[in-house]
PDB file of N, CA and C in Angstrom:
ATOM      1  N   MET A   1       0.848  -1.164   0.000  1.00  0.00           N
ATOM      2  CA  MET A   1       0.000   0.000   0.000  1.00  0.00           C
ATOM      3  C   MET A   1       0.901   1.237   0.000  1.00  0.00           C
ATOM      4  N   LEU A   2       0.633   2.157  -0.891  1.00  0.00           N
ATOM      5  CA  LEU A   2       1.403   3.396  -0.994  1.00  0.00           C
ATOM      6  C   LEU A   2       0.618   4.521  -0.354  1.00  0.00           C
ATOM      7  N   LYS A   3       1.269   5.242   0.525  1.00  0.00           N
ATOM      8  CA  LYS A   3       0.594   6.327   1.231  1.00  0.00           C
ATOM      9  C   LYS A   3       1.406   7.593   1.072  1.00  0.00           C
ATOM     10  N   ARG A   4       0.726   8.700   0.801  1.00  0.00           N
ATOM     11  CA  ARG A   4       1.389   9.991   0.667  1.00  0.00           C
ATOM     12  C   ARG A   4       1.298  10.723   1.993  1.00  0.00           C
ATOM     13  N   ILE A   5       2.432  11.195   2.473  1.00  0.00           N
ATOM     14  CA  ILE A   5       2.507  11.887   3.756  1.00  0.00           C
ATOM     15  C   ILE A   5       2.944  13.317   3.520  1.00  0.00           C
ATOM     16  N   GLY A   6       2.200  14.264   4.076  1.00  0.00           N
ATOM     17  CA  GLY A   6       2.539  15.679   3.946  1.00  0.00           C
ATOM     18  C   GLY A   6       3.524  16.106   5.016  1.00  0.00           C
ATOM     19  N   LEU A   7       4.494  16.883   4.629  1.00  0.00           N
ATOM     20  CA  LEU A   7       5.493  17.403   5.558  1.00  0.00           C
ATOM     21  C   LEU A   7       5.528  18.911   5.473  1.00  0.00           C
ATOM     22  N   ILE A   8       5.779  19.538   6.591  1.00  0.00           N
ATOM     23  CA  ILE A   8       5.948  20.993   6.602  1.00  0.00           C
ATOM     24  C   ILE A   8       7.365  21.272   7.064  1.00  0.00           C
ATOM     25  N   ARG A   9       8.125  21.955   6.220  1.00  0.00           N
ATOM     26  CA  ARG A   9       9.488  22.338   6.581  1.00  0.00           C
ATOM     27  C   ARG A   9       9.489  23.818   6.889  1.00  0.00           C
ATOM     28  N   ARG A  10      10.143  24.161   7.971  1.00  0.00           N
ATOM     29  CA  ARG A  10      10.227  25.574   8.344  1.00  0.00           C
ATOM     30  C   ARG A  10      11.653  26.051   8.137  1.00  0.00           C
ATOM     31  N   GLU A  11      11.767  27.121   7.426  1.00  0.00           N
ATOM     32  CA  GLU A  11      13.040  27.801   7.246  1.00  0.00           C
ATOM     33  C   GLU A  11      12.818  29.237   7.695  1.00  0.00           C
ATOM     34  N   PRO A  12      13.874  29.927   8.091  1.00  0.00           N
ATOM     35  CA  PRO A  12      13.685  31.313   8.546  1.00  0.00           C
ATOM     36  C   PRO A  12      12.893  32.133   7.529  1.00  0.00           C
ATOM     37  N   GLY A  13      11.746  32.652   7.967  1.00  0.00           N
ATOM     38  CA  GLY A  13      10.919  33.492   7.115  1.00  0.00           C
ATOM     39  C   GLY A  13      10.037  32.747   6.135  1.00  0.00           C
ATOM     40  N   LYS A  14      10.108  31.405   6.103  1.00  0.00           N
ATOM     41  CA  LYS A  14       9.328  30.630   5.138  1.00  0.00           C
ATOM     42  C   LYS A  14       8.741  29.395   5.808  1.00  0.00           C
ATOM     43  N   ILE A  15       7.598  29.005   5.331  1.00  0.00           N
ATOM     44  CA  ILE A  15       7.038  27.700   5.680  1.00  0.00           C
ATOM     45  C   ILE A  15       6.772  27.006   4.357  1.00  0.00           C
ATOM     46  N   MET A  16       7.400  25.858   4.169  1.00  0.00           N
ATOM     47  CA  MET A  16       7.274  25.129   2.909  1.00  0.00           C
ATOM     48  C   MET A  16       6.568  23.804   3.179  1.00  0.00           C
ATOM     49  N   GLN A  17       5.663  23.456   2.312  1.00  0.00           N
ATOM     50  CA  GLN A  17       4.950  22.202   2.463  1.00  0.00           C
ATOM     51  C   GLN A  17       5.331  21.293   1.306  1.00  0.00           C
ATOM     52  N   SER A  18       5.620  20.052   1.619  1.00  0.00           N
ATOM     53  CA  SER A  18       5.933  19.077   0.586  1.00  0.00           C
ATOM     54  C   SER A  18       5.338  17.743   1.010  1.00  0.00           C
ATOM     55  N   SER A  19       5.378  16.785   0.138  1.00  0.00           N
ATOM     56  CA  SER A  19       4.859  15.471   0.496  1.00  0.00           C
ATOM     57  C   SER A  19       5.794  14.402  -0.040  1.00  0.00           C
ATOM     58  N   ILE A  20       5.794  13.261   0.640  1.00  0.00           N
ATOM     59  CA  ILE A  20       6.581  12.124   0.200  1.00  0.00           C
ATOM     60  C   ILE A  20       5.667  10.912   0.166  1.00  0.00           C
ATOM     61  N   ALA A  21       6.024   9.948  -0.641  1.00  0.00           N
ATOM     62  CA  ALA A  21       5.245   8.719  -0.717  1.00  0.00           C
ATOM     63  C   ALA A  21       5.974   7.639   0.072  1.00  0.00           C
ATOM     64  N   MET A  22       5.235   6.943   0.940  1.00  0.00           N
ATOM     65  CA  MET A  22       5.807   5.858   1.718  1.00  0.00           C
ATOM     66  C   MET A  22       4.928   4.637   1.554  1.00  0.00           C
ATOM     67  N   SER A  23       5.547   3.489   1.591  1.00  0.00           N
ATOM     68  CA  SER A  23       4.774   2.270   1.464  1.00  0.00           C
ATOM     69  C   SER A  23       4.663   1.597   2.828  1.00  0.00           C
ATOM     70  N   PHE A  24       3.449   1.169   3.177  1.00  0.00           N
ATOM     71  CA  PHE A  24       3.204   0.498   4.448  1.00  0.00           C
ATOM     72  C   PHE A  24       2.582  -0.860   4.177  1.00  0.00           C
ATOM     73  N   GLU A  25       3.151  -1.873   4.778  1.00  0.00           N
ATOM     74  CA  GLU A  25       2.532  -3.192   4.774  1.00  0.00           C
ATOM     75  C   GLU A  25       1.490  -3.191   5.898  1.00  0.00           C
ATOM     76  N   PRO A  26       0.498  -4.066   5.821  1.00  0.00           N
ATOM     77  CA  PRO A  26      -0.525  -4.091   6.879  1.00  0.00           C
ATOM     78  C   PRO A  26       0.058  -4.255   8.287  1.00  0.00           C
ATOM     79  N   GLU A  27       1.099  -5.099   8.443  1.00  0.00           N
ATOM     80  CA  GLU A  27       1.716  -5.285   9.759  1.00  0.00           C
ATOM     81  C   GLU A  27       2.398  -4.002  10.210  1.00  0.00           C
ATOM     82  N   ASP A  28       3.035  -3.299   9.262  1.00  0.00           N
ATOM     83  CA  ASP A  28       3.694  -2.036   9.591  1.00  0.00           C
ATOM     84  C   ASP A  28       2.671  -0.991  10.014  1.00  0.00           C
ATOM     85  N   LYS A  29       1.537  -0.972   9.325  1.00  0.00           N
ATOM     86  CA  LYS A  29       0.498  -0.003   9.671  1.00  0.00           C
ATOM     87  C   LYS A  29       0.021  -0.223  11.098  1.00  0.00           C
ATOM     88  N   GLU A  30      -0.219  -1.476  11.439  1.00  0.00           N
ATOM     89  CA  GLU A  30      -0.680  -1.788  12.788  1.00  0.00           C
ATOM     90  C   GLU A  30       0.373  -1.394  13.825  1.00  0.00           C
ATOM     91  N   ARG A  31       1.626  -1.698  13.541  1.00  0.00           N
ATOM     92  CA  ARG A  31       2.711  -1.354  14.464  1.00  0.00           C
ATOM     93  C   ARG A  31       2.829   0.159  14.632  1.00  0.00           C
ATOM     94  N   GLU A  32       2.713   0.900  13.536  1.00  0.00           N
ATOM     95  CA  GLU A  32       2.782   2.366  13.596  1.00  0.00           C
ATOM     96  C   GLU A  32       1.596   2.951  14.364  1.00  0.00           C
ATOM     97  N   LEU A  33       0.411   2.388  14.148  1.00  0.00           N
ATOM     98  CA  LEU A  33      -0.771   2.858  14.878  1.00  0.00           C
ATOM     99  C   LEU A  33      -0.624   2.617  16.378  1.00  0.00           C
ATOM    100  N   LEU A  34      -0.078   1.456  16.750  1.00  0.00           N
ATOM    101  CA  LEU A  34       0.132   1.171  18.169  1.00  0.00           C
ATOM    102  C   LEU A  34       1.184   2.097  18.771  1.00  0.00           C
ATOM    103  N   ALA A  35       2.210   2.424  18.005  1.00  0.00           N
ATOM    104  CA  ALA A  35       3.223   3.369  18.491  1.00  0.00           C
ATOM    105  C   ALA A  35       2.593   4.742  18.722  1.00  0.00           C
ATOM    106  N   LEU A  36       1.749   5.168  17.790  1.00  0.00           N
ATOM    107  CA  LEU A  36       1.044   6.441  17.971  1.00  0.00           C
ATOM    108  C   LEU A  36       0.121   6.391  19.185  1.00  0.00           C
ATOM    109  N   ALA A  37      -0.544   5.256  19.380  1.00  0.00           N
ATOM    110  CA  ALA A  37      -1.443   5.113  20.531  1.00  0.00           C
ATOM    111  C   ALA A  37      -0.667   5.226  21.841  1.00  0.00           C
ATOM    112  N   ARG A  38       0.531   4.629  21.892  1.00  0.00           N
ATOM    113  CA  ARG A  38       1.352   4.759  23.104  1.00  0.00           C
ATOM    114  C   ARG A  38       1.768   6.205  23.327  1.00  0.00           C
ATOM    115  N   LEU A  39       2.126   6.885  22.249  1.00  0.00           N
ATOM    116  CA  LEU A  39       2.520   8.291  22.348  1.00  0.00           C
ATOM    117  C   LEU A  39       1.356   9.150  22.844  1.00  0.00           C
ATOM    118  N   VAL A  40       0.176   8.934  22.282  1.00  0.00           N
ATOM    119  CA  VAL A  40      -1.003   9.704  22.685  1.00  0.00           C
ATOM    120  C   VAL A  40      -1.392   9.368  24.128  1.00  0.00           C
ATOM    121  N   THR A  41      -1.231   8.097  24.535  1.00  0.00           N
ATOM    122  CA  THR A  41      -1.513   7.715  25.919  1.00  0.00           C
ATOM    123  C   THR A  41      -0.612   8.478  26.878  1.00  0.00           C
ATOM    124  N   TYR A  42       0.658   8.558  26.542  1.00  0.00           N
ATOM    125  CA  TYR A  42       1.603   9.305  27.382  1.00  0.00           C
ATOM    126  C   TYR A  42       1.206  10.783  27.454  1.00  0.00           C
ATOM    127  N   ALA A  43       0.872  11.375  26.298  1.00  0.00           N
ATOM    128  CA  ALA A  43       0.475  12.790  26.268  1.00  0.00           C
ATOM    129  C   ALA A  43      -0.817  13.009  27.053  1.00  0.00           C
ATOM    130  N   ARG A  44      -1.763  12.090  26.918  1.00  0.00           N
ATOM    131  CA  ARG A  44      -3.030  12.199  27.660  1.00  0.00           C
ATOM    132  C   ARG A  44      -2.783  12.183  29.163  1.00  0.00           C
ATOM    133  N   ASP A  45      -1.929  11.258  29.604  1.00  0.00           N
ATOM    134  CA  ASP A  45      -1.643  11.165  31.034  1.00  0.00           C
ATOM    135  C   ASP A  45      -0.876  12.386  31.530  1.00  0.00           C
ATOM    136  N   SER A  46      -0.011  12.929  30.707  1.00  0.00           N
ATOM    137  CA  SER A  46       0.697  14.165  31.076  1.00  0.00           C
ATOM    138  C   SER A  46      -0.281  15.322  31.208  1.00  0.00           C
ATOM    139  N   SER A  47      -1.242  15.402  30.282  1.00  0.00           N
ATOM    140  CA  SER A  47      -2.232  16.482  30.360  1.00  0.00           C
ATOM    141  C   SER A  47      -3.119  16.318  31.591  1.00  0.00           C
ATOM    142  N   ARG A  48      -3.378  15.077  31.975  1.00  0.00           N
ATOM    143  CA  ARG A  48      -4.161  14.816  33.195  1.00  0.00           C
ATOM    144  C   ARG A  48      -3.380  15.304  34.420  1.00  0.00           C
ATOM    145  N   THR A  49      -2.081  15.023  34.448  1.00  0.00           N
ATOM    146  CA  THR A  49      -1.228  15.470  35.554  1.00  0.00           C
ATOM    147  C   THR A  49      -1.180  16.987  35.635  1.00  0.00           C
ATOM    148  N   LEU A  50      -1.142  17.638  34.471  1.00  0.00           N
ATOM    149  CA  LEU A  50      -1.084  19.099  34.418  1.00  0.00           C
ATOM    150  C   LEU A  50      -2.454  19.744  34.605  1.00  0.00           C
ATOM    151  N   ASN A  51      -3.503  18.914  34.691  1.00  0.00           N
ATOM    152  CA  ASN A  51      -4.875  19.389  34.867  1.00  0.00           C
ATOM    153  C   ASN A  51      -5.315  20.306  33.724  1.00  0.00           C
ATOM    154  N   VAL A  52      -5.042  19.854  32.494  1.00  0.00           N
ATOM    155  CA  VAL A  52      -5.446  20.585  31.293  1.00  0.00           C
ATOM    156  C   VAL A  52      -6.570  19.764  30.656  1.00  0.00           C
ATOM    157  N   GLU A  53      -7.791  20.014  31.111  1.00  0.00           N
ATOM    158  CA  GLU A  53      -8.920  19.160  30.754  1.00  0.00           C
ATOM    159  C   GLU A  53      -9.252  19.160  29.268  1.00  0.00           C
ATOM    160  N   GLY A  54      -9.187  20.313  28.625  1.00  0.00           N
ATOM    161  CA  GLY A  54      -9.503  20.374  27.197  1.00  0.00           C
ATOM    162  C   GLY A  54      -8.538  19.551  26.367  1.00  0.00           C
ATOM    163  N   VAL A  55      -7.269  19.639  26.693  1.00  0.00           N
ATOM    164  CA  VAL A  55      -6.245  18.862  25.983  1.00  0.00           C
ATOM    165  C   VAL A  55      -6.444  17.378  26.258  1.00  0.00           C
ATOM    166  N   GLN A  56      -6.707  17.045  27.507  1.00  0.00           N
ATOM    167  CA  GLN A  56      -6.927  15.648  27.875  1.00  0.00           C
ATOM    168  C   GLN A  56      -8.102  15.066  27.088  1.00  0.00           C
ATOM    169  N   TYR A  57      -9.183  15.806  26.988  1.00  0.00           N
ATOM    170  CA  TYR A  57     -10.364  15.343  26.255  1.00  0.00           C
ATOM    171  C   TYR A  57     -10.030  15.079  24.787  1.00  0.00           C
ATOM    172  N   CYS A  58      -9.332  16.022  24.160  1.00  0.00           N
ATOM    173  CA  CYS A  58      -8.975  15.858  22.746  1.00  0.00           C
ATOM    174  C   CYS A  58      -8.052  14.661  22.539  1.00  0.00           C
ATOM    175  N   LEU A  59      -7.119  14.456  23.459  1.00  0.00           N
ATOM    176  CA  LEU A  59      -6.217  13.312  23.346  1.00  0.00           C
ATOM    177  C   LEU A  59      -6.961  11.997  23.558  1.00  0.00           C
ATOM    178  N   GLU A  60      -7.977  11.987  24.419  1.00  0.00           N
ATOM    179  CA  GLU A  60      -8.794  10.785  24.585  1.00  0.00           C
ATOM    180  C   GLU A  60      -9.557  10.467  23.301  1.00  0.00           C
ATOM    181  N   LEU A  61     -10.051  11.493  22.630  1.00  0.00           N
ATOM    182  CA  LEU A  61     -10.716  11.280  21.338  1.00  0.00           C
ATOM    183  C   LEU A  61      -9.734  10.727  20.310  1.00  0.00           C
ATOM    184  N   ALA A  62      -8.530  11.301  20.273  1.00  0.00           N
ATOM    185  CA  ALA A  62      -7.503  10.834  19.335  1.00  0.00           C
ATOM    186  C   ALA A  62      -7.134   9.384  19.632  1.00  0.00           C
ATOM    187  N   LEU A  63      -6.986   9.045  20.901  1.00  0.00           N
ATOM    188  CA  LEU A  63      -6.643   7.677  21.281  1.00  0.00           C
ATOM    189  C   LEU A  63      -7.749   6.705  20.875  1.00  0.00           C
ATOM    190  N   ALA A  64      -8.994   7.081  21.104  1.00  0.00           N
ATOM    191  CA  ALA A  64     -10.114   6.216  20.713  1.00  0.00           C
ATOM    192  C   ALA A  64     -10.120   5.984  19.203  1.00  0.00           C
ATOM    193  N   ALA A  65      -9.842   7.030  18.429  1.00  0.00           N
ATOM    194  CA  ALA A  65      -9.805   6.888  16.968  1.00  0.00           C
ATOM    195  C   ALA A  65      -8.658   5.980  16.538  1.00  0.00           C
ATOM    196  N   LEU A  66      -7.500   6.135  17.158  1.00  0.00           N
ATOM    197  CA  LEU A  66      -6.358   5.275  16.837  1.00  0.00           C
ATOM    198  C   LEU A  66      -6.657   3.818  17.162  1.00  0.00           C
ATOM    199  N   LEU A  67      -7.242   3.580  18.321  1.00  0.00           N
ATOM    200  CA  LEU A  67      -7.533   2.206  18.720  1.00  0.00           C
ATOM    201  C   LEU A  67      -8.589   1.572  17.830  1.00  0.00           C
ATOM    202  N   LYS A  68      -9.518   2.365  17.342  1.00  0.00           N
ATOM    203  CA  LYS A  68     -10.511   1.855  16.389  1.00  0.00           C
ATOM    204  C   LYS A  68      -9.818   1.417  15.102  1.00  0.00           C
ATOM    205  N   GLU A  69      -8.866   2.221  14.633  1.00  0.00           N
ATOM    206  CA  GLU A  69      -8.102   1.858  13.435  1.00  0.00           C
ATOM    207  C   GLU A  69      -7.312   0.574  13.658  1.00  0.00           C
ATOM    208  N   VAL A  70      -6.710   0.438  14.842  1.00  0.00           N
ATOM    209  CA  VAL A  70      -5.937  -0.765  15.152  1.00  0.00           C
ATOM    210  C   VAL A  70      -6.843  -1.983  15.150  1.00  0.00           C
ATOM    211  N   GLU A  71      -8.022  -1.857  15.731  1.00  0.00           N
ATOM    212  CA  GLU A  71      -8.958  -2.983  15.763  1.00  0.00           C
ATOM    213  C   GLU A  71      -9.376  -3.398  14.362  1.00  0.00           C
ATOM    214  N   GLU A  72      -9.453  -2.456  13.446  1.00  0.00           N
ATOM    215  CA  GLU A  72      -9.799  -2.785  12.068  1.00  0.00           C
ATOM    216  C   GLU A  72      -8.671  -3.530  11.373  1.00  0.00           C
ATOM    217  N   CYS A  73      -7.443  -3.393  11.883  1.00  0.00           N
ATOM    218  CA  CYS A  73      -6.299  -4.108  11.310  1.00  0.00           C
ATOM    219  C   CYS A  73      -6.312  -5.581  11.686  1.00  0.00           C
ATOM    220  N   GLY A  74      -6.926  -5.924  12.796  1.00  0.00           N
ATOM    221  CA  GLY A  74      -6.968  -7.318  13.217  1.00  0.00           C
ATOM    222  C   GLY A  74      -7.319  -7.441  14.678  1.00  0.00           C
ATOM    223  N   ASP A  75      -7.777  -8.629  15.062  1.00  0.00           N
ATOM    224  CA  ASP A  75      -8.231  -8.865  16.430  1.00  0.00           C
ATOM    225  C   ASP A  75      -7.103  -9.232  17.380  1.00  0.00           C
ATOM    226  N   LYS A  76      -5.915  -9.537  16.852  1.00  0.00           N
ATOM    227  CA  LYS A  76      -4.853 -10.042  17.716  1.00  0.00           C
ATOM    228  C   LYS A  76      -4.373  -9.020  18.735  1.00  0.00           C
ATOM    229  N   THR A  77      -4.678  -7.744  18.539  1.00  0.00           N
ATOM    230  CA  THR A  77      -4.220  -6.729  19.484  1.00  0.00           C
ATOM    231  C   THR A  77      -5.363  -6.168  20.320  1.00  0.00           C
ATOM    232  N   ALA A  78      -6.517  -6.809  20.298  1.00  0.00           N
ATOM    233  CA  ALA A  78      -7.678  -6.274  21.017  1.00  0.00           C
ATOM    234  C   ALA A  78      -7.393  -6.109  22.507  1.00  0.00           C
ATOM    235  N   LEU A  79      -6.722  -7.087  23.107  1.00  0.00           N
ATOM    236  CA  LEU A  79      -6.392  -6.975  24.525  1.00  0.00           C
ATOM    237  C   LEU A  79      -5.478  -5.790  24.778  1.00  0.00           C
ATOM    238  N   LEU A  80      -4.466  -5.633  23.938  1.00  0.00           N
ATOM    239  CA  LEU A  80      -3.518  -4.535  24.107  1.00  0.00           C
ATOM    240  C   LEU A  80      -4.210  -3.190  23.957  1.00  0.00           C
ATOM    241  N   THR A  81      -5.100  -3.056  22.990  1.00  0.00           N
ATOM    242  CA  THR A  81      -5.753  -1.769  22.777  1.00  0.00           C
ATOM    243  C   THR A  81      -6.664  -1.416  23.944  1.00  0.00           C
ATOM    244  N   ASN A  82      -7.362  -2.407  24.491  1.00  0.00           N
ATOM    245  CA  ASN A  82      -8.208  -2.139  25.657  1.00  0.00           C
ATOM    246  C   ASN A  82      -7.359  -1.737  26.852  1.00  0.00           C
ATOM    247  N   GLU A  83      -6.201  -2.357  26.992  1.00  0.00           N
ATOM    248  CA  GLU A  83      -5.299  -2.015  28.088  1.00  0.00           C
ATOM    249  C   GLU A  83      -4.786  -0.586  27.937  1.00  0.00           C
ATOM    250  N   LEU A  84      -4.426  -0.190  26.715  1.00  0.00           N
ATOM    251  CA  LEU A  84      -3.942   1.171  26.478  1.00  0.00           C
ATOM    252  C   LEU A  84      -5.010   2.201  26.820  1.00  0.00           C
ATOM    253  N   MET A  85      -6.248   1.895  26.500  1.00  0.00           N
ATOM    254  CA  MET A  85      -7.327   2.846  26.719  1.00  0.00           C
ATOM    255  C   MET A  85      -7.599   3.047  28.206  1.00  0.00           C
ATOM    256  N   SER A  86      -7.426   1.986  29.002  1.00  0.00           N
ATOM    257  CA  SER A  86      -7.847   2.059  30.397  1.00  0.00           C
ATOM    258  C   SER A  86      -6.734   2.386  31.386  1.00  0.00           C
ATOM    259  N   ARG A  87      -5.488   2.083  31.066  1.00  0.00           N
ATOM    260  CA  ARG A  87      -4.438   2.292  32.065  1.00  0.00           C
ATOM    261  C   ARG A  87      -3.710   3.602  31.849  1.00  0.00           C
ATOM    262  N   ALA A  88      -3.083   4.046  32.911  1.00  0.00           N
ATOM    263  CA  ALA A  88      -2.226   5.230  32.802  1.00  0.00           C
ATOM    264  C   ALA A  88      -0.912   4.801  32.167  1.00  0.00           C
ATOM    265  N   SER A  89      -0.273   5.706  31.469  1.00  0.00           N
ATOM    266  CA  SER A  89       1.012   5.363  30.866  1.00  0.00           C
ATOM    267  C   SER A  89       2.038   5.168  31.962  1.00  0.00           C
ATOM    268  N   LEU A  90       3.067   4.435  31.640  1.00  0.00           N
ATOM    269  CA  LEU A  90       4.114   4.161  32.610  1.00  0.00           C
ATOM    270  C   LEU A  90       5.276   5.126  32.458  1.00  0.00           C
ATOM    271  N   GLY A  91       5.074   6.203  31.735  1.00  0.00           N
ATOM    272  CA  GLY A  91       6.132   7.186  31.564  1.00  0.00           C
ATOM    273  C   GLY A  91       7.041   6.894  30.397  1.00  0.00           C
ATOM    274  N   ASN A  92       6.710   5.890  29.614  1.00  0.00           N
ATOM    275  CA  ASN A  92       7.499   5.630  28.413  1.00  0.00           C
ATOM    276  C   ASN A  92       6.559   5.408  27.255  1.00  0.00           C
ATOM    277  N   CYS A  93       7.033   5.753  26.075  1.00  0.00           N
ATOM    278  CA  CYS A  93       6.160   5.600  24.916  1.00  0.00           C
ATOM    279  C   CYS A  93       6.919   4.978  23.783  1.00  0.00           C
TER     280      CYS A  93
END
């Protein structure tokens, strides 16, 4: 599967947007989605610690969307995704 990813490069006085094409295998997609879910879990828990409710809410929505995508990739990670949704991060992502 070929996927186009947009990038924004910042140079002094300029913002340039470009895109690159990357290929993802289904296993790679699932692994990348889980990595993003761990990152968002860490950010959500940090926002909870900082008592930033609006940010926490948005990150919970993002996490739910990521976990839904992971579940569509296959059932083998269903336990892991439920665990990510319910537990606090351990400080690593």
